[in-house]
Amino acid sequence: MRYVYRALRRCSPLQKWRGLETLTTDILKRPRDDKERVVILGSGWGGYTVSRKLSPREFSPVVISPRSYFVFTPLLTDTAGGDLDFSHIVEPVRHPTIRVGFIQAAARAIDLDRKMVLCEPTIVKSGVTLTHTEEDEGGSGVADKWESSETFEIPYDKLIIAVGAISRTFKTPGVKDNAIFFRDIGDSRRVRRRVRECFELAILPTTSDELRKHLLHFAIVGAGPTGTELAAALRDFIATDLITLYPALDGLVRISLYDVAPKVLSMFDESLSRYAQETMKKEGIDVRTSHHIEDLRWGAPGTKPPYEKDPRSCLTLRTKEEGEVGVGMCVWVTGNAMNELITHSLRGVEVFPTKSAIMKDKTGPKGASQRSWAYKKAPKTGALLVDGHLRVQLEDETGNTAVLQDVFALGDNAMLEHASPPATAQVTAQEAKWLSARLNHGDLEKSPPFSFRNMGTLAYIGNERALMQLPNEEGGYLPHKLTGRAAWLVWNSAYLTMTISWRNKLRVAFRWMLNRLFGRDISRY
């Protein structure tokens, strides 16, 4: 046994990470070597990218996130539509050959003066990620006793806040409890399962014709890129695969795309937006723009309260324009809101961090500790308002601003003070790469401010058709606009190239090829 144990130790890839055991046991303490500990809050596009780009020779990165994986969100709709397995778009944060520490926990508070992050483990939480805002419920709901955990503190030398955003409900009654949000793997799984449930319920001989029509009506609220691509993916899944298994339900399925805006994909050029809307209508997607959602509840239209949750039945979606409509599923993909850490925890500052804060006018922090300070945030969104070098800022009651030299924020929970780019994965990834490069080279102060380079925008609209829009730059060789199957080929190539690991690149390409040959595998739910 002794020789077997030695052989396993030699073969184990964990040996490539020197000091793995000490990292695990001493993670609550500061590093023993001269490396700076960089604590990264979040494992999305910002946090995951920074953790992989920081130099392991200079820094000791630790990721703190409620989930232990990164999701390649551009292909999340493909998992809901059955084109890909859920594991194809997931990258684990823990890796045997990458020197990155990880704690599965949620950050609850930040002590800027002591340079500590207060954390609560989320390993046995019923839901590892928050996908909606609780603004209309007056705070956190009642949790099971076993979900509450003891908190602990993690010290940092540098802190990067990349916790992302959650879905905004606009205080619409019933949305928080009855809609399916679409930000994570669990959300995609629920969408895929619910579609199949509705088909099975509709085919039952005891189901009335009226209820059958309601169950086969799938509503998506939000006509941005995610909502539009989800509607297109579900249309392909249903028209190509499910209807062949349920021929008796042919002609009864409806997919409705709702939005308060007058057009779909408002970030695209007017001609591309019009092309997308016309194409989707031809493919059978009911596009309902300029519609205001007023309520979402369980039960068929016209039924009287009490309205109790019953997945065997349908829901009722009420709009200002058309009244009550029966739906089998409602997916909510409208707008971003800040999560609890940004909105509730990062407000006022109890002790001014004199060692790490510098006044914006270079006057120094003299007398600053006597004032009342708060995190500087964008007035409309509530996002952290950062300077051009992605540093978090504080402001006092008179409007004076202090810049934190060791706390950064990027992604959807942050906004540049001047010329802020849109809240997209492309922007977040570029911010993470820029910040990592500056920290690795130690030239943050000397480098020019972060500048977003628009690489173009893509959107899938169904039936192997897509849109592509590139920035209007003179002297370019590529067309600024592309539609149809040519844009769909670019869409496939771009996202296949962007997929993080080679393992998933090969898995995605192989799965797409299998779908072309044998159709989607609808048995994996």
Protein backbone atom coordinates (compact mmCIF):
# COMPACT_ATOMS: atom_id res chain seq x y z
CA MET A 1 0.00 0.00 0.00
CA ARG A 2 2.87 2.35 0.71
CA TYR A 3 4.18 2.01 -2.85
CA VAL A 4 0.71 2.47 -4.32
CA TYR A 5 0.26 5.64 -2.28
CA ARG A 6 3.60 7.00 -3.51
CA ALA A 7 2.68 6.22 -7.11
CA LEU A 8 -0.64 8.03 -6.76
CA ARG A 9 1.14 11.04 -5.31
CA ARG A 10 3.53 11.15 -8.28
CA CYS A 11 0.67 10.84 -10.80
CA SER A 12 -1.64 13.33 -9.12
CA PRO A 13 -1.96 16.67 -10.96
CA LEU A 14 -2.49 18.36 -7.62
CA GLN A 15 1.25 18.21 -7.10
CA LYS A 16 1.59 20.85 -9.81
CA TRP A 17 0.17 23.29 -7.28
CA ARG A 18 2.80 23.67 -4.62
CA GLY A 19 1.44 24.42 -1.22
CA LEU A 20 -2.15 23.43 -2.05
CA GLU A 21 -2.77 22.07 1.45
CA THR A 22 -1.52 25.20 3.14
CA LEU A 23 -3.66 27.35 0.85
CA THR A 24 -6.74 25.40 1.89
CA THR A 25 -6.05 25.49 5.62
CA ASP A 26 -4.58 28.99 5.90
CA ILE A 27 -7.00 30.78 3.58
CA LEU A 28 -8.40 32.76 6.51
CA LYS A 29 -4.93 34.18 7.15
CA ARG A 30 -2.69 36.37 5.07
CA PRO A 31 -0.24 34.70 2.66
CA ARG A 32 3.05 33.63 4.21
CA ASP A 33 5.11 34.79 1.24
CA ASP A 34 5.46 38.28 -0.20
CA LYS A 35 2.57 37.88 -2.61
CA GLU A 36 -0.35 40.25 -2.34
CA ARG A 37 -3.67 38.58 -1.69
CA VAL A 38 -6.26 39.65 -4.25
CA VAL A 39 -9.77 38.76 -3.11
CA ILE A 40 -12.21 38.53 -6.03
CA LEU A 41 -15.94 38.68 -5.31
CA GLY A 42 -17.86 36.77 -7.98
CA SER A 43 -17.17 34.01 -10.52
CA GLY A 44 -18.86 35.54 -13.55
CA TRP A 45 -17.20 37.14 -16.58
CA GLY A 46 -15.30 39.63 -14.44
CA GLY A 47 -14.25 37.54 -11.48
CA TYR A 48 -13.41 34.38 -13.41
CA THR A 49 -11.37 36.24 -16.04
CA VAL A 50 -9.37 38.18 -13.45
CA SER A 51 -8.62 35.01 -11.48
CA ARG A 52 -7.16 33.38 -14.61
CA LYS A 53 -5.22 36.43 -15.83
CA LEU A 54 -3.50 37.53 -12.62
CA SER A 55 0.14 36.49 -12.36
CA PRO A 56 0.57 33.67 -9.79
CA ARG A 57 4.13 34.89 -9.18
CA GLU A 58 3.00 38.31 -8.03
CA PHE A 59 -0.41 37.65 -6.47
CA SER A 60 -2.31 35.10 -4.43
CA PRO A 61 -5.87 35.32 -5.81
CA VAL A 62 -8.88 34.02 -3.87
CA VAL A 63 -12.34 33.86 -5.46
CA ILE A 64 -15.37 34.21 -3.18
CA SER A 65 -18.63 33.33 -4.92
CA PRO A 66 -21.98 31.65 -4.12
CA ARG A 67 -21.40 29.30 -7.07
CA SER A 68 -18.32 27.20 -7.78
CA TYR A 69 -18.34 27.62 -11.56
CA PHE A 70 -18.34 30.08 -14.43
CA VAL A 71 -21.16 30.05 -17.00
CA PHE A 72 -20.54 30.94 -20.64
CA THR A 73 -23.75 32.97 -20.82
CA PRO A 74 -23.91 33.58 -24.62
CA LEU A 75 -24.78 29.89 -25.05
CA LEU A 76 -27.14 29.62 -22.08
CA THR A 77 -30.16 29.81 -24.41
CA ASP A 78 -28.79 26.82 -26.34
CA THR A 79 -28.99 24.69 -23.20
CA ALA A 80 -32.62 25.71 -22.66
CA GLY A 81 -33.42 24.81 -26.27
CA GLY A 82 -31.74 21.40 -26.08
CA ASP A 83 -28.85 22.19 -28.43
CA LEU A 84 -26.23 21.75 -25.68
CA ASP A 85 -25.88 19.96 -22.37
CA PHE A 86 -25.55 22.15 -19.31
CA SER A 87 -22.01 20.94 -18.64
CA HIS A 88 -20.89 22.18 -22.07
CA ILE A 89 -20.96 25.84 -20.99
CA VAL A 90 -19.66 25.50 -17.42
CA GLU A 91 -16.06 26.00 -16.28
CA PRO A 92 -15.15 25.09 -12.66
CA VAL A 93 -13.43 27.73 -10.55
CA ARG A 94 -11.34 25.10 -8.77
CA HIS A 95 -8.70 23.61 -11.03
CA PRO A 96 -5.78 21.31 -10.11
CA THR A 97 -3.22 23.21 -12.19
CA ILE A 98 -4.28 26.82 -11.56
CA ARG A 99 -3.16 28.63 -8.40
CA VAL A 100 -6.45 30.19 -7.41
CA GLY A 101 -8.09 29.77 -4.03
CA PHE A 102 -11.84 29.47 -3.78
CA ILE A 103 -14.47 29.82 -1.05
CA GLN A 104 -18.11 29.08 -1.82
CA ALA A 105 -19.70 31.91 0.09
CA ALA A 106 -21.53 35.19 -0.35
CA ALA A 107 -19.89 38.47 0.63
CA ARG A 108 -22.07 40.23 3.19
CA ALA A 109 -20.01 43.30 4.12
CA ILE A 110 -16.65 44.99 3.53
CA ASP A 111 -14.51 46.70 6.16
CA LEU A 112 -12.34 49.15 4.22
CA ASP A 113 -10.29 50.25 7.20
CA ARG A 114 -9.36 46.73 8.40
CA LYS A 115 -9.32 45.38 4.82
CA MET A 116 -11.64 42.50 5.60
CA VAL A 117 -14.56 40.88 3.75
CA LEU A 118 -17.36 39.38 5.85
CA CYS A 119 -18.58 36.13 4.23
CA GLU A 120 -21.35 33.60 4.75
CA PRO A 121 -21.05 30.07 3.31
CA THR A 122 -23.63 29.14 0.65
CA ILE A 123 -22.72 25.50 0.16
CA VAL A 124 -26.07 24.12 1.36
CA LYS A 125 -28.25 26.96 0.19
CA SER A 126 -31.44 25.99 -1.64
CA GLY A 127 -30.46 28.44 -4.37
CA VAL A 128 -26.81 29.39 -4.82
CA THR A 129 -27.49 32.53 -6.81
CA LEU A 130 -29.99 35.34 -6.48
CA THR A 131 -31.74 35.90 -9.79
CA HIS A 132 -34.19 38.63 -8.88
CA THR A 133 -34.46 41.72 -6.76
CA GLU A 134 -36.37 41.76 -3.49
CA GLU A 135 -37.14 45.45 -3.65
CA ASP A 136 -40.88 44.86 -3.66
CA GLU A 137 -40.82 42.37 -0.81
CA GLY A 138 -39.13 44.59 1.75
CA GLY A 139 -35.93 42.58 2.17
CA SER A 140 -34.89 38.97 2.35
CA GLY A 141 -37.48 36.27 2.69
CA VAL A 142 -37.70 33.69 5.45
CA ALA A 143 -35.04 31.03 5.00
CA ASP A 144 -34.78 27.55 6.47
CA LYS A 145 -32.74 27.25 9.65
CA TRP A 146 -30.14 25.05 7.99
CA GLU A 147 -29.50 27.75 5.36
CA SER A 148 -28.06 30.17 7.93
CA SER A 149 -24.34 29.76 8.50
CA GLU A 150 -21.68 31.26 10.72
CA THR A 151 -19.92 34.19 9.11
CA PHE A 152 -16.17 34.61 8.85
CA GLU A 153 -13.73 37.27 7.65
CA ILE A 154 -11.23 37.07 4.79
CA PRO A 155 -8.34 39.59 4.71
CA TYR A 156 -7.26 41.22 1.47
CA ASP A 157 -4.50 43.38 0.09
CA LYS A 158 -6.49 44.21 -3.02
CA LEU A 159 -10.21 43.68 -3.52
CA ILE A 160 -12.08 43.30 -6.80
CA ILE A 161 -15.89 43.53 -6.68
CA ALA A 162 -17.45 41.64 -9.60
CA VAL A 163 -20.67 40.26 -8.12
CA GLY A 164 -22.70 41.14 -11.22
CA ALA A 165 -26.38 42.05 -11.19
CA ILE A 166 -29.76 40.40 -10.67
CA SER A 167 -33.01 40.60 -12.63
CA ARG A 168 -35.17 43.65 -12.11
CA THR A 169 -38.88 42.99 -11.55
CA PHE A 170 -39.97 46.67 -11.63
CA LYS A 171 -42.16 45.79 -8.60
CA THR A 172 -44.56 43.90 -10.86
CA PRO A 173 -46.90 41.87 -8.63
CA GLY A 174 -46.38 38.11 -8.77
CA VAL A 175 -43.23 38.15 -10.89
CA LYS A 176 -40.79 37.35 -8.09
CA ASP A 177 -42.69 34.24 -7.00
CA ASN A 178 -44.15 32.95 -10.26
CA ALA A 179 -41.81 33.83 -13.14
CA ILE A 180 -38.68 31.95 -14.18
CA PHE A 181 -35.61 34.16 -14.32
CA PHE A 182 -32.82 33.40 -16.76
CA ARG A 183 -29.28 34.01 -15.53
CA ASP A 184 -27.80 30.68 -14.49
CA ILE A 185 -27.71 26.98 -15.28
CA GLY A 186 -30.49 26.26 -12.78
CA ASP A 187 -32.75 28.77 -14.57
CA SER A 188 -32.08 27.17 -17.95
CA ARG A 189 -32.82 23.74 -16.51
CA ARG A 190 -36.16 24.98 -15.13
CA VAL A 191 -37.14 26.44 -18.50
CA ARG A 192 -36.29 23.24 -20.34
CA ARG A 193 -38.13 21.07 -17.81
CA ARG A 194 -41.22 23.30 -17.75
CA VAL A 195 -41.59 23.22 -21.54
CA ARG A 196 -41.63 19.42 -21.47
CA GLU A 197 -44.04 19.43 -18.52
CA CYS A 198 -46.47 21.64 -20.42
CA PHE A 199 -46.43 19.29 -23.41
CA GLU A 200 -47.05 16.25 -21.23
CA LEU A 201 -49.89 18.00 -19.38
CA ALA A 202 -51.44 19.18 -22.64
CA ILE A 203 -51.46 15.68 -24.16
CA LEU A 204 -53.39 14.17 -21.25
CA PRO A 205 -56.92 13.08 -22.25
CA THR A 206 -58.37 14.80 -19.17
CA THR A 207 -57.01 18.24 -20.18
CA SER A 208 -59.64 20.59 -21.57
CA ASP A 209 -59.13 22.34 -24.90
CA GLU A 210 -58.99 25.75 -23.20
CA LEU A 211 -56.36 24.66 -20.67
CA ARG A 212 -54.40 22.94 -23.42
CA LYS A 213 -54.08 26.24 -25.30
CA HIS A 214 -52.95 28.03 -22.13
CA LEU A 215 -50.33 25.39 -21.30
CA LEU A 216 -48.83 25.59 -24.79
CA HIS A 217 -48.50 29.37 -24.65
CA PHE A 218 -44.95 30.31 -23.61
CA ALA A 219 -44.33 33.96 -22.69
CA ILE A 220 -40.92 35.67 -22.58
CA VAL A 221 -40.80 39.17 -21.11
CA GLY A 222 -37.89 41.22 -22.39
CA ALA A 223 -36.96 41.63 -26.06
CA GLY A 224 -33.26 42.25 -25.59
CA PRO A 225 -30.58 39.83 -26.84
CA THR A 226 -31.27 37.20 -24.15
CA GLY A 227 -35.05 37.25 -24.51
CA THR A 228 -34.91 37.26 -28.30
CA GLU A 229 -32.40 34.40 -28.49
CA LEU A 230 -34.38 32.38 -25.93
CA ALA A 231 -37.58 32.80 -27.94
CA ALA A 232 -35.73 31.72 -31.09
CA ALA A 233 -34.11 28.72 -29.38
CA LEU A 234 -37.44 27.52 -27.97
CA ARG A 235 -39.09 27.97 -31.35
CA ASP A 236 -36.43 25.79 -33.01
CA PHE A 237 -36.66 23.17 -30.26
CA ILE A 238 -40.45 22.93 -30.43
CA ALA A 239 -40.89 23.15 -34.21
CA THR A 240 -38.05 20.78 -35.07
CA ASP A 241 -38.17 18.18 -32.30
CA LEU A 242 -41.11 18.32 -29.90
CA ILE A 243 -43.89 18.56 -32.49
CA THR A 244 -42.62 15.36 -34.12
CA LEU A 245 -43.19 13.61 -30.77
CA TYR A 246 -46.53 15.32 -30.11
CA PRO A 247 -48.20 15.55 -33.55
CA ALA A 248 -51.64 15.98 -31.97
CA LEU A 249 -50.49 19.34 -30.55
CA ASP A 250 -49.34 20.75 -33.88
CA GLY A 251 -50.73 24.24 -34.44
CA LEU A 252 -51.52 24.88 -30.77
CA VAL A 253 -48.12 26.14 -29.60
CA ARG A 254 -47.56 29.88 -29.18
CA ILE A 255 -44.42 31.77 -28.22
CA SER A 256 -44.97 35.41 -27.25
CA LEU A 257 -42.19 37.95 -26.79
CA TYR A 258 -43.23 40.95 -24.67
CA ASP A 259 -41.41 44.23 -24.16
CA VAL A 260 -42.34 47.72 -23.06
CA ALA A 261 -40.08 49.20 -25.78
CA PRO A 262 -41.52 49.87 -29.26
CA LYS A 263 -39.06 47.46 -30.95
CA VAL A 264 -36.97 44.38 -30.30
CA LEU A 265 -33.17 44.47 -29.94
CA SER A 266 -33.06 48.22 -29.42
CA MET A 267 -29.23 48.20 -29.26
CA PHE A 268 -29.11 47.27 -32.97
CA ASP A 269 -29.54 49.52 -35.97
CA GLU A 270 -33.14 50.33 -36.92
CA SER A 271 -32.99 48.23 -40.09
CA LEU A 272 -31.57 45.21 -38.25
CA SER A 273 -34.17 45.49 -35.51
CA ARG A 274 -36.93 45.62 -38.10
CA TYR A 275 -35.47 42.62 -39.94
CA ALA A 276 -35.34 40.64 -36.69
CA GLN A 277 -38.95 41.44 -35.83
CA GLU A 278 -40.23 40.52 -39.29
CA THR A 279 -38.22 37.30 -39.41
CA MET A 280 -39.39 36.17 -35.99
CA LYS A 281 -43.00 36.82 -36.89
CA LYS A 282 -42.61 34.69 -40.03
CA GLU A 283 -41.20 31.89 -37.86
CA GLY A 284 -44.31 31.96 -35.67
CA ILE A 285 -43.08 34.06 -32.74
CA ASP A 286 -45.70 36.54 -31.60
CA VAL A 287 -43.77 39.79 -30.99
CA ARG A 288 -45.72 42.10 -28.69
CA THR A 289 -43.81 45.35 -28.24
CA SER A 290 -45.15 48.39 -26.35
CA HIS A 291 -46.83 46.07 -23.84
CA HIS A 292 -46.84 46.75 -20.08
CA ILE A 293 -46.96 43.75 -17.73
CA GLU A 294 -49.21 44.40 -14.73
CA ASP A 295 -49.48 41.06 -12.94
CA LEU A 296 -48.53 37.37 -13.03
CA ARG A 297 -50.36 34.74 -11.03
CA TRP A 298 -51.23 31.04 -11.04
CA GLY A 299 -54.57 29.89 -12.37
CA ALA A 300 -56.48 30.30 -15.61
CA PRO A 301 -57.80 33.70 -16.77
CA GLY A 302 -61.07 34.65 -15.13
CA THR A 303 -60.67 32.43 -12.07
CA LYS A 304 -61.34 33.87 -8.64
CA PRO A 305 -58.89 33.97 -5.70
CA PRO A 306 -57.22 32.47 -3.80
CA TYR A 307 -54.49 31.90 -6.40
CA GLU A 308 -52.37 29.01 -5.20
CA LYS A 309 -49.35 27.64 -7.04
CA ASP A 310 -50.27 24.56 -9.07
CA PRO A 311 -47.72 23.44 -11.72
CA ARG A 312 -50.39 21.10 -13.15
CA SER A 313 -52.28 24.16 -14.31
CA CYS A 314 -51.35 27.37 -16.14
CA LEU A 315 -50.55 30.94 -15.16
CA THR A 316 -52.26 34.18 -16.04
CA LEU A 317 -50.28 37.11 -17.41
CA ARG A 318 -52.10 40.43 -17.35
CA THR A 319 -51.01 43.32 -19.57
CA LYS A 320 -52.34 46.84 -19.80
CA GLU A 321 -52.99 46.47 -23.52
CA GLU A 322 -54.76 43.07 -23.79
CA GLY A 323 -55.88 42.09 -20.31
CA GLU A 324 -55.51 38.54 -19.01
CA VAL A 325 -53.76 35.85 -21.06
CA GLY A 326 -53.16 32.23 -20.07
CA VAL A 327 -49.57 30.96 -20.29
CA GLY A 328 -47.86 27.71 -19.42
CA MET A 329 -44.60 29.45 -18.55
CA CYS A 330 -43.34 33.01 -18.14
CA VAL A 331 -39.60 33.72 -18.42
CA TRP A 332 -38.52 37.14 -17.11
CA VAL A 333 -35.40 38.64 -18.74
CA THR A 334 -35.82 42.40 -18.36
CA GLY A 335 -33.18 44.76 -17.03
CA ASN A 336 -30.52 44.64 -14.33
CA ALA A 337 -30.72 45.53 -10.66
CA MET A 338 -27.99 45.62 -8.04
CA ASN A 339 -27.80 42.74 -5.59
CA GLU A 340 -27.98 42.92 -1.82
CA LEU A 341 -24.25 43.53 -1.28
CA ILE A 342 -24.28 46.68 -3.43
CA THR A 343 -27.67 48.06 -2.40
CA HIS A 344 -27.75 47.30 1.33
CA SER A 345 -24.19 46.61 2.53
CA LEU A 346 -22.11 49.08 0.53
CA ARG A 347 -23.72 52.29 1.71
CA GLY A 348 -22.11 54.35 4.42
CA VAL A 349 -18.51 53.94 5.57
CA GLU A 350 -18.10 53.67 9.34
CA VAL A 351 -14.33 54.29 9.44
CA PHE A 352 -12.63 56.24 6.66
CA PRO A 353 -9.69 54.18 5.25
CA THR A 354 -6.94 56.78 5.58
CA LYS A 355 -4.21 54.35 4.48
CA SER A 356 -5.78 53.41 1.15
CA ALA A 357 -7.93 56.41 0.14
CA ILE A 358 -6.61 59.43 -1.73
CA MET A 359 -8.60 62.60 -2.25
CA LYS A 360 -9.41 63.18 -5.89
CA ASP A 361 -7.99 66.71 -5.77
CA LYS A 362 -4.66 65.30 -4.44
CA THR A 363 -4.99 67.26 -1.19
CA GLY A 364 -4.57 64.18 0.98
CA PRO A 365 -6.94 62.70 3.54
CA LYS A 366 -6.33 65.34 6.22
CA GLY A 367 -9.50 65.78 8.23
CA ALA A 368 -11.33 63.22 6.10
CA SER A 369 -11.91 60.90 9.05
CA GLN A 370 -14.07 63.57 10.68
CA ARG A 371 -16.58 63.61 7.82
CA SER A 372 -19.39 61.27 6.87
CA TRP A 373 -18.49 59.12 3.87
CA ALA A 374 -20.48 56.78 1.60
CA TYR A 375 -19.82 54.74 -1.52
CA LYS A 376 -20.19 56.79 -4.66
CA LYS A 377 -22.92 55.31 -6.86
CA ALA A 378 -24.72 56.04 -10.11
CA PRO A 379 -27.97 57.90 -9.34
CA LYS A 380 -30.28 55.81 -11.56
CA THR A 381 -28.90 52.29 -11.38
CA GLY A 382 -27.22 52.29 -7.98
CA ALA A 383 -24.05 50.77 -9.46
CA LEU A 384 -20.66 51.61 -7.94
CA LEU A 385 -19.30 54.67 -9.74
CA VAL A 386 -15.64 53.94 -10.52
CA ASP A 387 -12.94 56.15 -12.02
CA GLY A 388 -11.16 55.48 -15.30
CA HIS A 389 -8.88 52.92 -13.62
CA LEU A 390 -11.88 50.96 -12.25
CA ARG A 391 -11.22 52.08 -8.67
CA VAL A 392 -14.11 52.39 -6.23
CA GLN A 393 -14.79 55.90 -4.95
CA LEU A 394 -16.21 57.43 -1.79
CA GLU A 395 -17.95 60.77 -1.38
CA ASP A 396 -18.87 62.91 1.59
CA GLU A 397 -21.91 65.10 2.21
CA THR A 398 -20.27 68.13 0.56
CA GLY A 399 -19.42 66.32 -2.68
CA ASN A 400 -15.72 65.66 -2.05
CA THR A 401 -14.48 62.42 -3.63
CA ALA A 402 -11.87 59.96 -2.37
CA VAL A 403 -10.45 57.19 -4.56
CA LEU A 404 -9.65 53.80 -3.02
CA GLN A 405 -6.26 52.58 -4.22
CA ASP A 406 -6.84 48.91 -3.36
CA VAL A 407 -10.55 48.32 -4.13
CA PHE A 408 -11.78 47.88 -7.71
CA ALA A 409 -15.15 47.14 -9.28
CA LEU A 410 -16.05 45.95 -12.76
CA GLY A 411 -18.92 44.39 -14.67
CA ASP A 412 -22.64 44.98 -14.20
CA ASN A 413 -22.26 46.17 -10.58
CA ALA A 414 -19.98 49.04 -11.64
CA MET A 415 -20.22 52.04 -13.94
CA LEU A 416 -17.44 54.21 -15.29
CA GLU A 417 -17.76 57.81 -14.17
CA HIS A 418 -17.25 59.11 -17.71
CA ALA A 419 -18.42 57.49 -20.98
CA SER A 420 -19.67 54.27 -19.42
CA PRO A 421 -20.03 51.39 -21.93
CA PRO A 422 -23.11 49.10 -21.97
CA ALA A 423 -23.52 46.37 -19.36
CA THR A 424 -22.54 43.36 -21.48
CA ALA A 425 -20.28 40.32 -21.10
CA GLN A 426 -17.98 41.77 -23.76
CA VAL A 427 -17.39 44.92 -21.70
CA THR A 428 -16.88 43.00 -18.47
CA ALA A 429 -14.33 40.65 -20.06
CA GLN A 430 -12.34 43.57 -21.47
CA GLU A 431 -12.37 45.36 -18.10
CA ALA A 432 -11.13 42.19 -16.37
CA LYS A 433 -8.29 41.68 -18.87
CA TRP A 434 -7.27 45.34 -18.70
CA LEU A 435 -7.22 45.41 -14.90
CA SER A 436 -5.29 42.14 -14.69
CA ALA A 437 -2.67 43.40 -17.13
CA ARG A 438 -2.23 46.66 -15.23
CA LEU A 439 -1.85 44.86 -11.89
CA ASN A 440 0.59 42.35 -13.36
CA HIS A 441 2.77 45.10 -14.82
CA GLY A 442 2.37 47.42 -11.82
CA ASP A 443 1.62 50.42 -14.04
CA LEU A 444 -1.93 51.25 -13.04
CA GLU A 445 -1.18 54.87 -12.18
CA LYS A 446 0.91 55.48 -15.29
CA SER A 447 -1.44 53.80 -17.78
CA PRO A 448 -4.27 55.66 -19.54
CA PRO A 449 -7.84 55.01 -18.36
CA PHE A 450 -9.73 51.94 -19.51
CA SER A 451 -11.28 52.29 -22.97
CA PHE A 452 -13.86 49.86 -24.32
CA ARG A 453 -13.28 48.51 -27.82
CA ASN A 454 -16.54 47.50 -29.45
CA MET A 455 -16.03 44.16 -31.21
CA GLY A 456 -19.55 44.07 -32.58
CA THR A 457 -22.91 42.66 -31.51
CA LEU A 458 -24.52 39.34 -32.42
CA ALA A 459 -28.01 37.94 -31.89
CA TYR A 460 -29.66 34.70 -32.97
CA ILE A 461 -33.25 35.06 -34.23
CA GLY A 462 -34.18 31.47 -35.12
CA ASN A 463 -34.14 28.94 -37.98
CA GLU A 464 -30.38 29.34 -38.52
CA ARG A 465 -30.61 33.10 -38.95
CA ALA A 466 -28.86 35.79 -36.95
CA LEU A 467 -27.83 39.45 -36.88
CA MET A 468 -24.36 40.95 -36.76
CA GLN A 469 -23.52 44.61 -36.31
CA LEU A 470 -19.96 45.95 -36.28
CA PRO A 471 -18.91 49.46 -35.23
CA ASN A 472 -18.68 52.00 -38.02
CA GLU A 473 -14.94 52.26 -38.47
CA GLU A 474 -13.42 53.68 -41.60
CA GLY A 475 -11.17 51.46 -43.65
CA GLY A 476 -12.65 48.20 -42.40
CA TYR A 477 -12.82 45.15 -44.65
CA LEU A 478 -15.84 43.50 -43.03
CA PRO A 479 -19.44 44.62 -43.63
CA HIS A 480 -20.94 46.68 -40.83
CA LYS A 481 -24.23 44.75 -41.00
CA LEU A 482 -24.92 41.12 -41.72
CA THR A 483 -28.16 39.14 -41.56
CA GLY A 484 -29.46 35.66 -42.28
CA ARG A 485 -27.43 32.47 -42.50
CA ALA A 486 -24.14 34.29 -43.08
CA ALA A 487 -24.56 36.06 -39.73
CA TRP A 488 -25.55 32.72 -38.17
CA LEU A 489 -22.25 31.18 -39.30
CA VAL A 490 -20.38 34.12 -37.75
CA TRP A 491 -22.46 33.68 -34.57
CA ASN A 492 -21.49 30.02 -34.32
CA SER A 493 -17.83 30.64 -35.09
CA ALA A 494 -17.52 33.56 -32.67
CA TYR A 495 -19.03 31.80 -29.67
CA LEU A 496 -17.21 28.55 -30.39
CA THR A 497 -13.94 30.50 -30.41
CA MET A 498 -14.79 32.40 -27.23
CA THR A 499 -15.67 29.26 -25.25
CA ILE A 500 -13.08 29.12 -22.49
CA SER A 501 -11.53 25.65 -22.34
CA TRP A 502 -10.50 23.41 -25.22
CA ARG A 503 -12.52 20.64 -23.64
CA ASN A 504 -15.73 22.61 -23.99
CA LYS A 505 -14.79 23.93 -27.44
CA LEU A 506 -14.59 20.34 -28.68
CA ARG A 507 -17.71 19.27 -26.81
CA VAL A 508 -19.80 22.15 -28.19
CA ALA A 509 -18.62 21.59 -31.77
CA PHE A 510 -19.21 17.83 -31.53
CA ARG A 511 -22.68 18.31 -30.04
CA TRP A 512 -23.68 20.75 -32.77
CA MET A 513 -22.54 18.21 -35.36
CA LEU A 514 -24.57 15.45 -33.68
CA ASN A 515 -27.64 17.70 -33.64
CA ARG A 516 -27.33 18.18 -37.39
CA LEU A 517 -27.09 14.44 -37.97
CA PHE A 518 -29.50 12.98 -35.42
CA GLY A 519 -31.50 15.87 -33.97
CA ARG A 520 -31.55 17.17 -30.40
CA ASP A 521 -31.48 14.80 -27.46
CA ILE A 522 -34.63 15.75 -25.59
CA SER A 523 -34.38 13.03 -22.96
CA ARG A 524 -31.94 14.91 -20.69
CA TYR A 525 -34.04 16.88 -18.22
